[in-house]
Amino acid sequence: MRSHNARLGRAAEVYAKTGIAMKDGPINTFRGKFQYNLIRPVTYIQRHIDPTWQSYLASPPYPEYPSGLVGINAPLTQVLIREFGDVPVTDNAFAWKGLPTRQYPSISAMREEAAYSRVYAGIHYPFTQIASIEMGKELGNVIADLDLTPN
């Protein structure tokens, strides 16, 4: 907001839309999870390939598809892209722990890295992340199109 010199009204509208995205994303995601009820990679691999295989992250206790992280992240990032463009991002969330900042060439690059981290961790399939990003972008576009300007 500071880098765009957003006035109070615009800031309030962006905060409202990102808040809506953060709440509507999980609703869509968990509705889909229990509609499709897809098993996690660890379950599939243990049943059909290697009964001793473990994912790097513990698998959450609910169905795999669509992705929970992306279900929150993708609508939110899509609203930000619609508001500010697909701009470079600096992530300094863990600077307080002495960790270096992360640089991303765009918001969408950050979104994709977050999505694929779940594939590398062994808790999602690649197709789930691709589909979840697209679902999130659609929801984000609907939210970005809301007219929250007072009459």
N, C-alpha and C. Protein backbone atom coordinates (compact mmCIF):
# COMPACT_ATOMS: atom_id res chain seq x y z
N MET A 1 0.82 -1.18 0.00
CA MET A 1 0.00 0.00 0.00
C MET A 1 0.87 1.25 0.00
N ARG A 2 1.94 1.22 0.82
CA ARG A 2 2.81 2.39 0.88
C ARG A 2 3.47 2.66 -0.46
N SER A 3 3.95 1.61 -1.10
CA SER A 3 4.67 1.82 -2.37
C SER A 3 3.74 2.33 -3.48
N HIS A 4 2.45 2.14 -3.32
CA HIS A 4 1.48 2.65 -4.30
C HIS A 4 0.79 3.93 -3.81
N ASN A 5 1.23 4.45 -2.68
CA ASN A 5 0.64 5.65 -2.11
C ASN A 5 -0.89 5.57 -2.04
N ALA A 6 -1.37 4.41 -1.58
CA ALA A 6 -2.82 4.19 -1.52
C ALA A 6 -3.45 5.06 -0.45
N ARG A 7 -4.50 5.73 -0.83
CA ARG A 7 -5.26 6.53 0.13
C ARG A 7 -6.13 5.59 0.96
N LEU A 8 -6.70 6.10 2.02
CA LEU A 8 -7.44 5.29 2.97
C LEU A 8 -8.56 4.48 2.30
N GLY A 9 -9.34 5.10 1.43
CA GLY A 9 -10.44 4.40 0.77
C GLY A 9 -9.98 3.22 -0.04
N ARG A 10 -8.93 3.43 -0.82
CA ARG A 10 -8.38 2.33 -1.64
C ARG A 10 -7.78 1.24 -0.76
N ALA A 11 -7.07 1.64 0.26
CA ALA A 11 -6.49 0.67 1.19
C ALA A 11 -7.59 -0.18 1.83
N ALA A 12 -8.66 0.46 2.26
CA ALA A 12 -9.76 -0.27 2.89
C ALA A 12 -10.38 -1.26 1.91
N GLU A 13 -10.54 -0.83 0.65
CA GLU A 13 -11.13 -1.73 -0.35
C GLU A 13 -10.23 -2.93 -0.62
N VAL A 14 -8.93 -2.71 -0.74
CA VAL A 14 -7.99 -3.82 -0.98
C VAL A 14 -7.97 -4.77 0.21
N TYR A 15 -7.93 -4.21 1.43
CA TYR A 15 -7.96 -5.05 2.62
C TYR A 15 -9.25 -5.86 2.69
N ALA A 16 -10.37 -5.24 2.34
CA ALA A 16 -11.66 -5.95 2.36
C ALA A 16 -11.65 -7.10 1.35
N LYS A 17 -11.18 -6.84 0.14
CA LYS A 17 -11.17 -7.89 -0.88
C LYS A 17 -10.22 -9.02 -0.53
N THR A 18 -9.05 -8.70 0.02
CA THR A 18 -8.13 -9.78 0.41
C THR A 18 -8.72 -10.56 1.59
N GLY A 19 -9.44 -9.88 2.48
CA GLY A 19 -10.10 -10.58 3.58
C GLY A 19 -11.18 -11.52 3.08
N ILE A 20 -11.96 -11.08 2.10
CA ILE A 20 -12.99 -11.93 1.50
C ILE A 20 -12.32 -13.15 0.86
N ALA A 21 -11.23 -12.92 0.15
CA ALA A 21 -10.51 -14.03 -0.51
C ALA A 21 -10.01 -15.05 0.52
N MET A 22 -9.49 -14.56 1.63
CA MET A 22 -8.97 -15.46 2.66
C MET A 22 -10.07 -16.28 3.33
N LYS A 23 -11.28 -15.80 3.32
CA LYS A 23 -12.38 -16.55 3.93
C LYS A 23 -13.14 -17.41 2.92
N ASP A 24 -13.33 -16.90 1.70
CA ASP A 24 -14.06 -17.68 0.69
C ASP A 24 -13.21 -18.82 0.11
N GLY A 25 -11.89 -18.61 0.04
CA GLY A 25 -11.01 -19.65 -0.50
C GLY A 25 -11.15 -20.98 0.23
N PRO A 26 -11.03 -21.00 1.56
CA PRO A 26 -11.18 -22.27 2.27
C PRO A 26 -12.58 -22.88 2.16
N ILE A 27 -13.60 -22.06 2.04
CA ILE A 27 -14.96 -22.60 1.87
C ILE A 27 -15.03 -23.39 0.57
N ASN A 28 -14.56 -22.79 -0.52
CA ASN A 28 -14.55 -23.51 -1.81
C ASN A 28 -13.68 -24.76 -1.73
N THR A 29 -12.51 -24.61 -1.12
CA THR A 29 -11.56 -25.72 -1.05
C THR A 29 -12.14 -26.91 -0.29
N PHE A 30 -12.67 -26.68 0.89
CA PHE A 30 -13.14 -27.81 1.69
C PHE A 30 -14.45 -28.39 1.17
N ARG A 31 -15.22 -27.60 0.47
CA ARG A 31 -16.39 -28.16 -0.21
C ARG A 31 -15.91 -29.16 -1.27
N GLY A 32 -14.88 -28.77 -2.02
CA GLY A 32 -14.33 -29.66 -3.04
C GLY A 32 -13.66 -30.89 -2.46
N LYS A 33 -12.92 -30.72 -1.37
CA LYS A 33 -12.22 -31.85 -0.76
C LYS A 33 -13.19 -32.98 -0.44
N PHE A 34 -14.32 -32.65 0.15
CA PHE A 34 -15.24 -33.70 0.56
C PHE A 34 -16.21 -34.10 -0.55
N GLN A 35 -16.24 -33.35 -1.64
CA GLN A 35 -17.01 -33.77 -2.81
C GLN A 35 -16.21 -34.82 -3.59
N TYR A 36 -14.90 -34.56 -3.81
CA TYR A 36 -14.08 -35.45 -4.63
C TYR A 36 -13.40 -36.54 -3.84
N ASN A 37 -13.05 -36.29 -2.57
CA ASN A 37 -12.52 -37.28 -1.64
C ASN A 37 -11.32 -38.06 -2.22
N LEU A 38 -10.36 -37.35 -2.79
CA LEU A 38 -9.18 -37.98 -3.38
C LEU A 38 -8.15 -38.33 -2.30
N ILE A 39 -7.59 -39.55 -2.40
CA ILE A 39 -6.61 -39.96 -1.40
C ILE A 39 -5.28 -39.23 -1.60
N ARG A 40 -4.55 -39.08 -0.53
CA ARG A 40 -3.24 -38.42 -0.54
C ARG A 40 -2.20 -39.31 -1.21
N PRO A 41 -1.12 -38.68 -1.73
CA PRO A 41 -0.05 -39.47 -2.35
C PRO A 41 0.52 -40.53 -1.41
N VAL A 42 0.70 -40.22 -0.15
CA VAL A 42 1.27 -41.20 0.78
C VAL A 42 0.39 -42.45 0.85
N THR A 43 -0.90 -42.28 0.86
CA THR A 43 -1.81 -43.42 0.92
C THR A 43 -1.71 -44.25 -0.35
N TYR A 44 -1.71 -43.57 -1.51
CA TYR A 44 -1.61 -44.29 -2.78
C TYR A 44 -0.28 -45.06 -2.87
N ILE A 45 0.81 -44.38 -2.55
CA ILE A 45 2.13 -45.00 -2.64
C ILE A 45 2.24 -46.18 -1.68
N GLN A 46 1.77 -46.03 -0.46
CA GLN A 46 1.86 -47.13 0.50
C GLN A 46 1.00 -48.32 0.10
N ARG A 47 -0.14 -48.08 -0.53
CA ARG A 47 -1.02 -49.18 -0.96
C ARG A 47 -0.52 -49.90 -2.20
N HIS A 48 0.12 -49.14 -3.14
CA HIS A 48 0.39 -49.72 -4.46
C HIS A 48 1.87 -49.80 -4.84
N ILE A 49 2.74 -49.11 -4.13
CA ILE A 49 4.15 -49.06 -4.55
C ILE A 49 5.10 -49.50 -3.44
N ASP A 50 5.07 -48.81 -2.31
CA ASP A 50 6.02 -49.06 -1.23
C ASP A 50 5.33 -48.82 0.11
N PRO A 51 5.01 -49.88 0.85
CA PRO A 51 4.27 -49.71 2.09
C PRO A 51 5.03 -48.95 3.19
N THR A 52 6.31 -48.73 3.01
CA THR A 52 7.10 -48.03 4.04
C THR A 52 7.35 -46.56 3.71
N TRP A 53 6.91 -46.10 2.53
CA TRP A 53 7.20 -44.73 2.11
C TRP A 53 6.49 -43.72 2.99
N GLN A 54 7.18 -42.61 3.30
CA GLN A 54 6.61 -41.51 4.07
C GLN A 54 6.87 -40.20 3.33
N SER A 55 5.90 -39.30 3.39
CA SER A 55 6.10 -37.97 2.81
C SER A 55 6.98 -37.15 3.74
N TYR A 56 7.56 -36.07 3.19
CA TYR A 56 8.42 -35.20 3.99
C TYR A 56 7.61 -34.43 5.05
N LEU A 57 6.40 -34.06 4.70
CA LEU A 57 5.50 -33.43 5.66
C LEU A 57 4.40 -34.43 6.01
N ALA A 58 3.94 -34.38 7.22
CA ALA A 58 2.81 -35.23 7.59
C ALA A 58 1.59 -34.81 6.77
N SER A 59 0.89 -35.79 6.24
CA SER A 59 -0.30 -35.49 5.44
C SER A 59 -1.44 -35.05 6.35
N PRO A 60 -2.11 -33.97 5.99
CA PRO A 60 -3.27 -33.53 6.78
C PRO A 60 -4.37 -34.59 6.77
N PRO A 61 -5.22 -34.60 7.79
CA PRO A 61 -6.23 -35.65 7.93
C PRO A 61 -7.53 -35.39 7.16
N TYR A 62 -7.41 -34.91 5.94
CA TYR A 62 -8.58 -34.69 5.11
C TYR A 62 -8.16 -34.92 3.66
N PRO A 63 -9.13 -35.05 2.74
CA PRO A 63 -8.81 -35.40 1.36
C PRO A 63 -7.84 -34.44 0.67
N GLU A 64 -7.20 -34.94 -0.37
CA GLU A 64 -6.11 -34.25 -1.05
C GLU A 64 -6.54 -33.11 -1.96
N TYR A 65 -7.63 -33.29 -2.71
CA TYR A 65 -8.00 -32.34 -3.78
C TYR A 65 -9.23 -31.55 -3.40
N PRO A 66 -9.19 -30.24 -3.63
CA PRO A 66 -8.11 -29.36 -4.06
C PRO A 66 -7.18 -29.00 -2.91
N SER A 67 -6.14 -28.27 -3.23
CA SER A 67 -5.09 -27.93 -2.26
C SER A 67 -5.56 -26.87 -1.27
N GLY A 68 -5.38 -27.15 0.01
CA GLY A 68 -5.76 -26.18 1.05
C GLY A 68 -4.93 -24.92 1.02
N LEU A 69 -3.61 -25.08 0.92
CA LEU A 69 -2.73 -23.90 0.88
C LEU A 69 -3.07 -23.02 -0.32
N VAL A 70 -3.18 -23.63 -1.48
CA VAL A 70 -3.47 -22.87 -2.70
C VAL A 70 -4.89 -22.33 -2.67
N GLY A 71 -5.79 -23.03 -2.00
CA GLY A 71 -7.17 -22.55 -1.88
C GLY A 71 -7.27 -21.22 -1.15
N ILE A 72 -6.31 -20.96 -0.25
CA ILE A 72 -6.26 -19.68 0.44
C ILE A 72 -5.37 -18.71 -0.33
N ASN A 73 -4.22 -19.21 -0.76
CA ASN A 73 -3.18 -18.38 -1.38
C ASN A 73 -3.59 -17.84 -2.76
N ALA A 74 -4.16 -18.68 -3.61
CA ALA A 74 -4.42 -18.28 -4.99
C ALA A 74 -5.48 -17.18 -5.12
N PRO A 75 -6.62 -17.25 -4.43
CA PRO A 75 -7.57 -16.13 -4.54
C PRO A 75 -6.99 -14.82 -4.02
N LEU A 76 -6.27 -14.91 -2.90
CA LEU A 76 -5.66 -13.73 -2.31
C LEU A 76 -4.64 -13.10 -3.25
N THR A 77 -3.75 -13.93 -3.81
CA THR A 77 -2.74 -13.38 -4.71
C THR A 77 -3.36 -12.86 -6.00
N GLN A 78 -4.45 -13.48 -6.45
CA GLN A 78 -5.11 -12.99 -7.66
C GLN A 78 -5.72 -11.61 -7.44
N VAL A 79 -6.30 -11.40 -6.26
CA VAL A 79 -6.83 -10.07 -5.93
C VAL A 79 -5.68 -9.07 -5.96
N LEU A 80 -4.55 -9.40 -5.37
CA LEU A 80 -3.40 -8.48 -5.35
C LEU A 80 -2.88 -8.20 -6.76
N ILE A 81 -2.83 -9.24 -7.60
CA ILE A 81 -2.39 -9.05 -8.99
C ILE A 81 -3.36 -8.11 -9.71
N ARG A 82 -4.64 -8.31 -9.51
CA ARG A 82 -5.63 -7.44 -10.17
C ARG A 82 -5.53 -6.01 -9.68
N GLU A 83 -5.20 -5.82 -8.42
CA GLU A 83 -5.12 -4.48 -7.84
C GLU A 83 -3.82 -3.76 -8.19
N PHE A 84 -2.70 -4.49 -8.17
CA PHE A 84 -1.39 -3.85 -8.30
C PHE A 84 -0.56 -4.33 -9.48
N GLY A 85 -1.02 -5.34 -10.20
CA GLY A 85 -0.23 -5.94 -11.26
C GLY A 85 0.59 -7.10 -10.72
N ASP A 86 1.17 -7.87 -11.62
CA ASP A 86 1.98 -9.03 -11.22
C ASP A 86 3.40 -8.56 -10.93
N VAL A 87 3.52 -7.81 -9.86
CA VAL A 87 4.74 -7.09 -9.50
C VAL A 87 5.73 -7.98 -8.75
N PRO A 88 7.01 -7.61 -8.73
CA PRO A 88 7.99 -8.34 -7.92
C PRO A 88 7.62 -8.27 -6.43
N VAL A 89 8.03 -9.29 -5.70
CA VAL A 89 7.69 -9.40 -4.28
C VAL A 89 8.94 -9.69 -3.46
N THR A 90 9.04 -9.02 -2.33
CA THR A 90 10.08 -9.32 -1.34
C THR A 90 9.38 -9.89 -0.12
N ASP A 91 9.76 -11.10 0.25
CA ASP A 91 9.18 -11.76 1.42
C ASP A 91 10.19 -11.69 2.56
N ASN A 92 9.87 -10.90 3.56
CA ASN A 92 10.75 -10.80 4.72
C ASN A 92 10.05 -11.29 5.98
N ALA A 93 9.14 -12.24 5.81
CA ALA A 93 8.32 -12.73 6.93
C ALA A 93 9.15 -13.32 8.07
N PHE A 94 10.31 -13.88 7.74
CA PHE A 94 11.11 -14.53 8.79
C PHE A 94 12.40 -13.78 9.08
N ALA A 95 12.46 -12.52 8.70
CA ALA A 95 13.65 -11.71 9.01
C ALA A 95 13.86 -11.62 10.52
N TRP A 96 12.79 -11.64 11.28
CA TRP A 96 12.89 -11.56 12.74
C TRP A 96 13.63 -12.76 13.32
N LYS A 97 13.69 -13.88 12.54
CA LYS A 97 14.42 -15.07 12.98
C LYS A 97 15.85 -15.08 12.44
N GLY A 98 16.22 -13.99 11.75
CA GLY A 98 17.55 -13.92 11.18
C GLY A 98 17.66 -14.58 9.81
N LEU A 99 16.54 -15.02 9.24
CA LEU A 99 16.57 -15.64 7.91
C LEU A 99 16.57 -14.56 6.84
N PRO A 100 17.22 -14.83 5.72
CA PRO A 100 17.29 -13.81 4.67
C PRO A 100 15.93 -13.59 4.01
N THR A 101 15.78 -12.43 3.40
CA THR A 101 14.56 -12.16 2.64
C THR A 101 14.58 -12.99 1.37
N ARG A 102 13.40 -13.25 0.84
CA ARG A 102 13.26 -13.98 -0.42
C ARG A 102 12.75 -13.01 -1.47
N GLN A 103 13.30 -13.08 -2.65
CA GLN A 103 12.88 -12.23 -3.77
C GLN A 103 12.17 -13.09 -4.81
N TYR A 104 11.06 -12.61 -5.28
CA TYR A 104 10.31 -13.28 -6.34
C TYR A 104 10.12 -12.30 -7.49
N PRO A 105 10.22 -12.76 -8.73
CA PRO A 105 10.04 -11.84 -9.86
C PRO A 105 8.61 -11.35 -10.02
N SER A 106 7.65 -12.07 -9.38
CA SER A 106 6.25 -11.68 -9.50
C SER A 106 5.43 -12.35 -8.40
N ILE A 107 4.23 -11.83 -8.20
CA ILE A 107 3.31 -12.45 -7.25
C ILE A 107 2.96 -13.86 -7.71
N SER A 108 2.73 -14.02 -9.01
CA SER A 108 2.36 -15.35 -9.51
C SER A 108 3.50 -16.36 -9.34
N ALA A 109 4.75 -15.92 -9.45
CA ALA A 109 5.88 -16.82 -9.22
C ALA A 109 5.91 -17.28 -7.77
N MET A 110 5.63 -16.38 -6.86
CA MET A 110 5.57 -16.73 -5.44
C MET A 110 4.45 -17.75 -5.19
N ARG A 111 3.29 -17.51 -5.81
CA ARG A 111 2.14 -18.41 -5.67
C ARG A 111 2.48 -19.81 -6.18
N GLU A 112 3.14 -19.87 -7.33
CA GLU A 112 3.49 -21.17 -7.90
C GLU A 112 4.52 -21.91 -7.06
N GLU A 113 5.50 -21.19 -6.52
CA GLU A 113 6.49 -21.85 -5.67
C GLU A 113 5.83 -22.42 -4.42
N ALA A 114 4.93 -21.67 -3.83
CA ALA A 114 4.21 -22.17 -2.65
C ALA A 114 3.42 -23.43 -3.01
N ALA A 115 2.76 -23.41 -4.15
CA ALA A 115 1.97 -24.57 -4.58
C ALA A 115 2.84 -25.80 -4.78
N TYR A 116 3.92 -25.65 -5.51
CA TYR A 116 4.76 -26.81 -5.82
C TYR A 116 5.57 -27.29 -4.62
N SER A 117 5.72 -26.46 -3.60
CA SER A 117 6.40 -26.93 -2.40
C SER A 117 5.63 -28.10 -1.78
N ARG A 118 4.33 -28.12 -1.97
CA ARG A 118 3.50 -29.19 -1.42
C ARG A 118 3.65 -30.49 -2.21
N VAL A 119 3.97 -30.36 -3.49
CA VAL A 119 4.26 -31.56 -4.29
C VAL A 119 5.59 -32.15 -3.82
N TYR A 120 6.61 -31.28 -3.68
CA TYR A 120 7.92 -31.74 -3.22
C TYR A 120 7.85 -32.33 -1.82
N ALA A 121 6.95 -31.83 -1.00
CA ALA A 121 6.80 -32.34 0.36
C ALA A 121 6.08 -33.68 0.38
N GLY A 122 5.45 -34.04 -0.73
CA GLY A 122 4.79 -35.34 -0.82
C GLY A 122 3.34 -35.36 -0.37
N ILE A 123 2.71 -34.20 -0.22
CA ILE A 123 1.32 -34.23 0.25
C ILE A 123 0.30 -33.87 -0.83
N HIS A 124 0.76 -33.50 -2.04
CA HIS A 124 -0.15 -33.21 -3.14
C HIS A 124 0.41 -33.75 -4.45
N TYR A 125 -0.50 -33.97 -5.39
CA TYR A 125 -0.14 -34.35 -6.75
C TYR A 125 0.06 -33.07 -7.57
N PRO A 126 0.90 -33.10 -8.60
CA PRO A 126 1.09 -31.90 -9.43
C PRO A 126 -0.22 -31.40 -10.06
N PHE A 127 -1.06 -32.31 -10.55
CA PHE A 127 -2.31 -31.86 -11.20
C PHE A 127 -3.22 -31.13 -10.22
N THR A 128 -3.15 -31.50 -8.96
CA THR A 128 -3.97 -30.81 -7.95
C THR A 128 -3.54 -29.36 -7.83
N GLN A 129 -2.24 -29.12 -7.82
CA GLN A 129 -1.76 -27.76 -7.65
C GLN A 129 -2.12 -26.90 -8.87
N ILE A 130 -1.99 -27.47 -10.05
CA ILE A 130 -2.34 -26.73 -11.27
C ILE A 130 -3.82 -26.35 -11.25
N ALA A 131 -4.68 -27.34 -10.97
CA ALA A 131 -6.12 -27.10 -10.94
C ALA A 131 -6.49 -26.13 -9.81
N SER A 132 -5.84 -26.27 -8.66
CA SER A 132 -6.16 -25.41 -7.52
C SER A 132 -5.78 -23.96 -7.79
N ILE A 133 -4.66 -23.75 -8.47
CA ILE A 133 -4.27 -22.38 -8.84
C ILE A 133 -5.34 -21.77 -9.75
N GLU A 134 -5.79 -22.53 -10.73
CA GLU A 134 -6.81 -22.01 -11.66
C GLU A 134 -8.12 -21.72 -10.94
N MET A 135 -8.52 -22.62 -10.04
CA MET A 135 -9.74 -22.38 -9.26
C MET A 135 -9.60 -21.12 -8.43
N GLY A 136 -8.45 -20.96 -7.80
CA GLY A 136 -8.21 -19.78 -6.96
C GLY A 136 -8.18 -18.50 -7.76
N LYS A 137 -7.60 -18.56 -8.96
CA LYS A 137 -7.57 -17.37 -9.81
C LYS A 137 -8.99 -16.96 -10.20
N GLU A 138 -9.83 -17.94 -10.52
CA GLU A 138 -11.22 -17.63 -10.87
C GLU A 138 -11.94 -16.95 -9.71
N LEU A 139 -11.81 -17.51 -8.52
CA LEU A 139 -12.44 -16.91 -7.35
C LEU A 139 -11.87 -15.53 -7.09
N GLY A 140 -10.56 -15.39 -7.18
CA GLY A 140 -9.92 -14.09 -6.98
C GLY A 140 -10.42 -13.05 -7.96
N ASN A 141 -10.63 -13.45 -9.20
CA ASN A 141 -11.16 -12.51 -10.20
C ASN A 141 -12.58 -12.06 -9.86
N VAL A 142 -13.41 -12.99 -9.38
CA VAL A 142 -14.76 -12.62 -8.98
C VAL A 142 -14.71 -11.61 -7.83
N ILE A 143 -13.85 -11.87 -6.87
CA ILE A 143 -13.72 -10.95 -5.72
C ILE A 143 -13.15 -9.61 -6.16
N ALA A 144 -12.15 -9.64 -7.02
CA ALA A 144 -11.55 -8.38 -7.51
C ALA A 144 -12.58 -7.54 -8.26
N ASP A 145 -13.55 -8.17 -8.90
CA ASP A 145 -14.58 -7.44 -9.64
C ASP A 145 -15.67 -6.84 -8.75
N LEU A 146 -15.68 -7.18 -7.46
CA LEU A 146 -16.70 -6.61 -6.58
C LEU A 146 -16.56 -5.09 -6.50
N ASP A 147 -17.67 -4.42 -6.54
CA ASP A 147 -17.66 -2.97 -6.37
C ASP A 147 -18.01 -2.67 -4.92
N LEU A 148 -17.01 -2.31 -4.15
CA LEU A 148 -17.21 -2.04 -2.73
C LEU A 148 -17.27 -0.54 -2.44
N THR A 149 -17.32 0.25 -3.49
CA THR A 149 -17.37 1.70 -3.33
C THR A 149 -18.75 2.08 -2.78
N PRO A 150 -18.79 2.90 -1.71
CA PRO A 150 -20.09 3.34 -1.19
C PRO A 150 -20.82 4.20 -2.21
N ASN A 151 -22.14 4.15 -2.15
CA ASN A 151 -22.94 4.95 -3.08
C ASN A 151 -22.79 6.42 -2.82
